[in-house]
PDB file of N, CA and C in Angstrom:
ATOM      1  N   MET A   1     -25.090  28.485  33.226  1.00  0.00           N
ATOM      2  CA  MET A   1     -25.415  29.348  34.764  1.00  0.00           C
ATOM      3  C   MET A   1     -25.943  30.693  34.356  1.00  0.00           C
ATOM      4  N   SER A   2     -26.991  30.650  34.747  1.00  0.00           N
ATOM      5  CA  SER A   2     -27.752  32.008  34.214  1.00  0.00           C
ATOM      6  C   SER A   2     -27.277  32.948  35.217  1.00  0.00           C
ATOM      7  N   ASN A   3     -26.972  34.285  34.396  1.00  0.00           N
ATOM      8  CA  ASN A   3     -26.698  35.774  35.269  1.00  0.00           C
ATOM      9  C   ASN A   3     -27.605  36.031  36.190  1.00  0.00           C
ATOM     10  N   ASP A   4     -28.802  35.484  36.468  1.00  0.00           N
ATOM     11  CA  ASP A   4     -29.611  36.236  37.364  1.00  0.00           C
ATOM     12  C   ASP A   4     -29.883  35.243  38.424  1.00  0.00           C
ATOM     13  N   LEU A   5     -29.709  33.995  38.430  1.00  0.00           N
ATOM     14  CA  LEU A   5     -30.104  32.979  39.138  1.00  0.00           C
ATOM     15  C   LEU A   5     -29.008  32.991  40.356  1.00  0.00           C
ATOM     16  N   HIS A   6     -27.914  33.285  40.187  1.00  0.00           N
ATOM     17  CA  HIS A   6     -26.753  33.113  41.583  1.00  0.00           C
ATOM     18  C   HIS A   6     -26.282  34.386  41.774  1.00  0.00           C
ATOM     19  N   MET A   7     -25.657  34.271  42.961  1.00  0.00           N
ATOM     20  CA  MET A   7     -25.238  35.791  43.817  1.00  0.00           C
ATOM     21  C   MET A   7     -23.928  35.484  43.246  1.00  0.00           C
ATOM     22  N   TRP A   8     -23.664  36.751  42.221  1.00  0.00           N
ATOM     23  CA  TRP A   8     -22.006  36.997  41.979  1.00  0.00           C
ATOM     24  C   TRP A   8     -21.553  37.938  42.824  1.00  0.00           C
ATOM     25  N   ARG A   9     -20.184  37.501  43.235  1.00  0.00           N
ATOM     26  CA  ARG A   9     -19.233  37.965  44.107  1.00  0.00           C
ATOM     27  C   ARG A   9     -18.051  38.683  43.298  1.00  0.00           C
ATOM     28  N   LYS A  10     -17.420  39.555  44.128  1.00  0.00           N
ATOM     29  CA  LYS A  10     -16.050  39.860  43.665  1.00  0.00           C
ATOM     30  C   LYS A  10     -15.435  40.282  44.953  1.00  0.00           C
ATOM     31  N   SER A  11     -14.033  40.489  44.836  1.00  0.00           N
ATOM     32  CA  SER A  11     -13.362  40.882  46.028  1.00  0.00           C
ATOM     33  C   SER A  11     -13.469  42.118  46.616  1.00  0.00           C
ATOM     34  N   SER A  12     -13.763  42.003  48.247  1.00  0.00           N
ATOM     35  CA  SER A  12     -13.713  43.042  48.494  1.00  0.00           C
ATOM     36  C   SER A  12     -12.649  44.349  48.261  1.00  0.00           C
ATOM     37  N   ARG A  13     -11.455  43.948  48.014  1.00  0.00           N
ATOM     38  CA  ARG A  13     -10.452  44.604  47.445  1.00  0.00           C
ATOM     39  C   ARG A  13     -10.755  45.241  45.960  1.00  0.00           C
ATOM     40  N   SER A  14     -11.749  45.067  45.466  1.00  0.00           N
ATOM     41  CA  SER A  14     -11.906  45.750  44.162  1.00  0.00           C
ATOM     42  C   SER A  14     -12.474  46.909  44.419  1.00  0.00           C
ATOM     43  N   GLY A  15     -12.978  47.478  45.398  1.00  0.00           N
ATOM     44  CA  GLY A  15     -13.550  49.040  45.330  1.00  0.00           C
ATOM     45  C   GLY A  15     -14.717  48.890  44.541  1.00  0.00           C
ATOM     46  N   GLN A  16     -14.834  49.967  43.834  1.00  0.00           N
ATOM     47  CA  GLN A  16     -16.005  50.330  43.121  1.00  0.00           C
ATOM     48  C   GLN A  16     -15.452  50.113  41.720  1.00  0.00           C
ATOM     49  N   GLU A  17     -14.196  49.719  41.504  1.00  0.00           N
ATOM     50  CA  GLU A  17     -13.914  49.780  39.911  1.00  0.00           C
ATOM     51  C   GLU A  17     -14.569  48.074  39.461  1.00  0.00           C
ATOM     52  N   ASN A  18     -14.827  48.430  38.013  1.00  0.00           N
ATOM     53  CA  ASN A  18     -15.181  47.453  37.262  1.00  0.00           C
ATOM     54  C   ASN A  18     -14.315  46.481  36.523  1.00  0.00           C
ATOM     55  N   ALA A  19     -13.174  46.317  36.921  1.00  0.00           N
ATOM     56  CA  ALA A  19     -11.892  45.640  36.144  1.00  0.00           C
ATOM     57  C   ALA A  19     -11.822  44.674  37.040  1.00  0.00           C
ATOM     58  N   CYS A  20     -12.679  43.758  37.118  1.00  0.00           N
ATOM     59  CA  CYS A  20     -12.697  42.739  38.020  1.00  0.00           C
ATOM     60  C   CYS A  20     -13.232  41.328  37.589  1.00  0.00           C
ATOM     61  N   VAL A  21     -12.878  40.479  38.111  1.00  0.00           N
ATOM     62  CA  VAL A  21     -13.631  39.137  37.883  1.00  0.00           C
ATOM     63  C   VAL A  21     -14.748  38.952  39.058  1.00  0.00           C
ATOM     64  N   GLU A  22     -15.817  38.160  38.957  1.00  0.00           N
ATOM     65  CA  GLU A  22     -16.899  38.014  39.673  1.00  0.00           C
ATOM     66  C   GLU A  22     -17.116  36.427  39.795  1.00  0.00           C
ATOM     67  N   VAL A  23     -17.287  35.729  40.599  1.00  0.00           N
ATOM     68  CA  VAL A  23     -17.377  34.542  40.847  1.00  0.00           C
ATOM     69  C   VAL A  23     -18.822  34.108  41.522  1.00  0.00           C
ATOM     70  N   ALA A  24     -19.408  33.068  41.178  1.00  0.00           N
ATOM     71  CA  ALA A  24     -20.745  32.493  41.541  1.00  0.00           C
ATOM     72  C   ALA A  24     -20.581  31.183  41.601  1.00  0.00           C
ATOM     73  N   MET A  25     -20.925  30.302  42.804  1.00  0.00           N
ATOM     74  CA  MET A  25     -21.078  29.098  43.052  1.00  0.00           C
ATOM     75  C   MET A  25     -22.159  28.394  43.199  1.00  0.00           C
ATOM     76  N   THR A  26     -22.273  27.121  42.953  1.00  0.00           N
ATOM     77  CA  THR A  26     -23.114  26.067  43.124  1.00  0.00           C
ATOM     78  C   THR A  26     -22.663  24.961  43.537  1.00  0.00           C
ATOM     79  N   GLU A  27     -23.539  23.936  44.288  1.00  0.00           N
ATOM     80  CA  GLU A  27     -22.969  22.845  44.323  1.00  0.00           C
ATOM     81  C   GLU A  27     -21.950  22.110  43.452  1.00  0.00           C
ATOM     82  N   SER A  28     -22.315  22.188  42.129  1.00  0.00           N
ATOM     83  CA  SER A  28     -21.448  21.252  41.064  1.00  0.00           C
ATOM     84  C   SER A  28     -20.731  22.391  40.164  1.00  0.00           C
ATOM     85  N   THR A  29     -20.826  23.642  40.501  1.00  0.00           N
ATOM     86  CA  THR A  29     -20.476  24.564  39.451  1.00  0.00           C
ATOM     87  C   THR A  29     -19.942  26.046  40.213  1.00  0.00           C
ATOM     88  N   VAL A  30     -18.426  26.394  39.578  1.00  0.00           N
ATOM     89  CA  VAL A  30     -17.901  27.524  40.169  1.00  0.00           C
ATOM     90  C   VAL A  30     -17.963  28.444  38.638  1.00  0.00           C
ATOM     91  N   ALA A  31     -18.420  29.389  38.697  1.00  0.00           N
ATOM     92  CA  ALA A  31     -18.539  30.253  37.279  1.00  0.00           C
ATOM     93  C   ALA A  31     -17.696  31.702  37.596  1.00  0.00           C
ATOM     94  N   VAL A  32     -17.019  31.981  36.435  1.00  0.00           N
ATOM     95  CA  VAL A  32     -16.201  33.326  36.833  1.00  0.00           C
ATOM     96  C   VAL A  32     -16.578  34.186  35.505  1.00  0.00           C
ATOM     97  N   ARG A  33     -16.906  35.414  35.745  1.00  0.00           N
ATOM     98  CA  ARG A  33     -17.024  36.206  34.624  1.00  0.00           C
ATOM     99  C   ARG A  33     -16.505  37.661  34.803  1.00  0.00           C
ATOM    100  N   ASP A  34     -16.456  38.341  33.380  1.00  0.00           N
ATOM    101  CA  ASP A  34     -15.722  39.902  33.723  1.00  0.00           C
ATOM    102  C   ASP A  34     -16.844  40.820  34.214  1.00  0.00           C
ATOM    103  N   SER A  35     -16.314  41.559  35.153  1.00  0.00           N
ATOM    104  CA  SER A  35     -17.447  42.620  35.905  1.00  0.00           C
ATOM    105  C   SER A  35     -17.651  43.537  34.814  1.00  0.00           C
ATOM    106  N   LYS A  36     -16.837  43.930  34.064  1.00  0.00           N
ATOM    107  CA  LYS A  36     -17.343  44.778  32.844  1.00  0.00           C
ATOM    108  C   LYS A  36     -18.323  44.523  31.825  1.00  0.00           C
ATOM    109  N   ASN A  37     -18.552  42.989  32.097  1.00  0.00           N
ATOM    110  CA  ASN A  37     -19.653  42.481  30.836  1.00  0.00           C
ATOM    111  C   ASN A  37     -20.635  41.420  31.739  1.00  0.00           C
ATOM    112  N   ALA A  38     -21.194  42.152  32.503  1.00  0.00           N
ATOM    113  CA  ALA A  38     -21.898  41.049  33.528  1.00  0.00           C
ATOM    114  C   ALA A  38     -23.187  40.321  32.669  1.00  0.00           C
ATOM    115  N   ALA A  39     -23.550  40.684  31.300  1.00  0.00           N
ATOM    116  CA  ALA A  39     -24.445  40.074  30.556  1.00  0.00           C
ATOM    117  C   ALA A  39     -23.625  39.246  29.852  1.00  0.00           C
ATOM    118  N   GLY A  40     -22.575  39.195  29.764  1.00  0.00           N
ATOM    119  CA  GLY A  40     -21.660  38.322  28.862  1.00  0.00           C
ATOM    120  C   GLY A  40     -21.503  36.837  29.027  1.00  0.00           C
ATOM    121  N   PRO A  41     -20.566  36.119  28.642  1.00  0.00           N
ATOM    122  CA  PRO A  41     -20.309  34.487  28.958  1.00  0.00           C
ATOM    123  C   PRO A  41     -19.698  34.447  30.319  1.00  0.00           C
ATOM    124  N   ALA A  42     -19.747  33.287  30.794  1.00  0.00           N
ATOM    125  CA  ALA A  42     -19.001  33.013  32.078  1.00  0.00           C
ATOM    126  C   ALA A  42     -18.439  31.559  31.745  1.00  0.00           C
ATOM    127  N   LEU A  43     -17.176  31.762  32.401  1.00  0.00           N
ATOM    128  CA  LEU A  43     -16.585  30.243  32.519  1.00  0.00           C
ATOM    129  C   LEU A  43     -17.084  29.315  33.525  1.00  0.00           C
ATOM    130  N   ALA A  44     -17.462  28.063  33.247  1.00  0.00           N
ATOM    131  CA  ALA A  44     -17.862  27.202  34.276  1.00  0.00           C
ATOM    132  C   ALA A  44     -16.760  26.160  34.550  1.00  0.00           C
ATOM    133  N   PHE A  45     -16.464  26.160  35.946  1.00  0.00           N
ATOM    134  CA  PHE A  45     -15.513  24.997  36.257  1.00  0.00           C
ATOM    135  C   PHE A  45     -16.250  24.072  37.355  1.00  0.00           C
ATOM    136  N   THR A  46     -15.671  22.558  37.433  1.00  0.00           N
ATOM    137  CA  THR A  46     -15.975  22.291  38.563  1.00  0.00           C
ATOM    138  C   THR A  46     -15.505  22.822  39.919  1.00  0.00           C
ATOM    139  N   PRO A  47     -15.782  22.411  40.779  1.00  0.00           N
ATOM    140  CA  PRO A  47     -15.110  22.943  42.069  1.00  0.00           C
ATOM    141  C   PRO A  47     -13.604  22.496  41.996  1.00  0.00           C
ATOM    142  N   ALA A  48     -13.443  21.153  41.946  1.00  0.00           N
ATOM    143  CA  ALA A  48     -11.745  20.631  41.958  1.00  0.00           C
ATOM    144  C   ALA A  48     -11.238  21.411  40.910  1.00  0.00           C
ATOM    145  N   ALA A  49     -11.753  21.428  39.493  1.00  0.00           N
ATOM    146  CA  ALA A  49     -11.071  22.384  38.421  1.00  0.00           C
ATOM    147  C   ALA A  49     -10.698  23.665  39.018  1.00  0.00           C
ATOM    148  N   PHE A  50     -11.642  24.228  39.331  1.00  0.00           N
ATOM    149  CA  PHE A  50     -11.511  25.710  39.841  1.00  0.00           C
ATOM    150  C   PHE A  50     -10.280  25.813  41.031  1.00  0.00           C
ATOM    151  N   SER A  51     -10.365  24.814  42.038  1.00  0.00           N
ATOM    152  CA  SER A  51      -9.234  25.004  42.982  1.00  0.00           C
ATOM    153  C   SER A  51      -7.960  24.554  42.258  1.00  0.00           C
ATOM    154  N   THR A  52      -7.661  23.723  41.302  1.00  0.00           N
ATOM    155  CA  THR A  52      -6.748  23.691  40.744  1.00  0.00           C
ATOM    156  C   THR A  52      -6.190  24.712  40.040  1.00  0.00           C
ATOM    157  N   PHE A  53      -7.023  25.337  39.139  1.00  0.00           N
ATOM    158  CA  PHE A  53      -6.905  26.765  38.489  1.00  0.00           C
ATOM    159  C   PHE A  53      -6.338  27.737  39.432  1.00  0.00           C
ATOM    160  N   VAL A  54      -6.881  28.075  40.329  1.00  0.00           N
ATOM    161  CA  VAL A  54      -6.392  28.994  41.539  1.00  0.00           C
ATOM    162  C   VAL A  54      -5.174  28.693  42.083  1.00  0.00           C
ATOM    163  N   ALA A  55      -4.790  27.670  42.452  1.00  0.00           N
ATOM    164  CA  ALA A  55      -3.443  26.917  42.715  1.00  0.00           C
ATOM    165  C   ALA A  55      -2.481  27.082  41.827  1.00  0.00           C
ATOM    166  N   THR A  56      -2.707  26.914  40.386  1.00  0.00           N
ATOM    167  CA  THR A  56      -1.760  27.110  39.387  1.00  0.00           C
ATOM    168  C   THR A  56      -1.470  28.515  39.045  1.00  0.00           C
ATOM    169  N   VAL A  57      -2.658  29.319  39.419  1.00  0.00           N
ATOM    170  CA  VAL A  57      -2.263  30.816  38.929  1.00  0.00           C
ATOM    171  C   VAL A  57      -1.461  31.343  40.410  1.00  0.00           C
ATOM    172  N   LYS A  58      -1.663  31.013  41.810  1.00  0.00           N
ATOM    173  CA  LYS A  58      -1.028  31.649  42.709  1.00  0.00           C
ATOM    174  C   LYS A  58       0.436  31.079  42.558  1.00  0.00           C
ATOM    175  N   ALA A  59       0.774  30.145  42.145  1.00  0.00           N
ATOM    176  CA  ALA A  59       2.023  29.186  42.170  1.00  0.00           C
ATOM    177  C   ALA A  59       2.812  29.832  40.786  1.00  0.00           C
ATOM    178  N   GLY A  60       2.270  30.918  40.008  1.00  0.00           N
ATOM    179  CA  GLY A  60       2.896  31.629  39.077  1.00  0.00           C
ATOM    180  C   GLY A  60       3.084  30.363  37.915  1.00  0.00           C
ATOM    181  N   GLN A  61       2.470  29.549  37.648  1.00  0.00           N
ATOM    182  CA  GLN A  61       2.513  28.573  36.665  1.00  0.00           C
ATOM    183  C   GLN A  61       2.226  28.702  35.251  1.00  0.00           C
ATOM    184  N   LEU A  62       1.352  30.087  35.112  1.00  0.00           N
ATOM    185  CA  LEU A  62       0.613  30.390  33.765  1.00  0.00           C
ATOM    186  C   LEU A  62       1.524  31.558  33.223  1.00  0.00           C
ATOM    187  N   ASP A  63       1.472  31.657  32.104  1.00  0.00           N
ATOM    188  CA  ASP A  63       2.218  32.999  31.662  1.00  0.00           C
ATOM    189  C   ASP A  63       0.756  33.921  31.380  1.00  0.00           C
ATOM    190  N   LEU A  64       0.774  34.956  32.397  1.00  0.00           N
ATOM    191  CA  LEU A  64      -0.120  35.640  32.438  1.00  0.00           C
ATOM    192  C   LEU A  64      -0.184  37.152  31.293  1.00  0.00           C
ATOM    193  N   SER A  65       1.002  37.016  30.635  1.00  0.00           N
ATOM    194  CA  SER A  65       1.218  38.175  29.887  1.00  0.00           C
ATOM    195  C   SER A  65       0.226  38.110  28.636  1.00  0.00           C
TER     196      SER A  65
END
């Protein structure tokens, strides 16, 4: 997923800080990148895999330490 061809978004709760993740979506891909390194790599998920990932994080099922 090209960094310049898609609309990258971050939470409005992030304010002006750059310590966030940004998300871009197409029909077949959800990409996630570090806002501090916009030119760096992005993780790519299918929409179903991204939904599962978010649900797992919200449920506290990952060790985030």
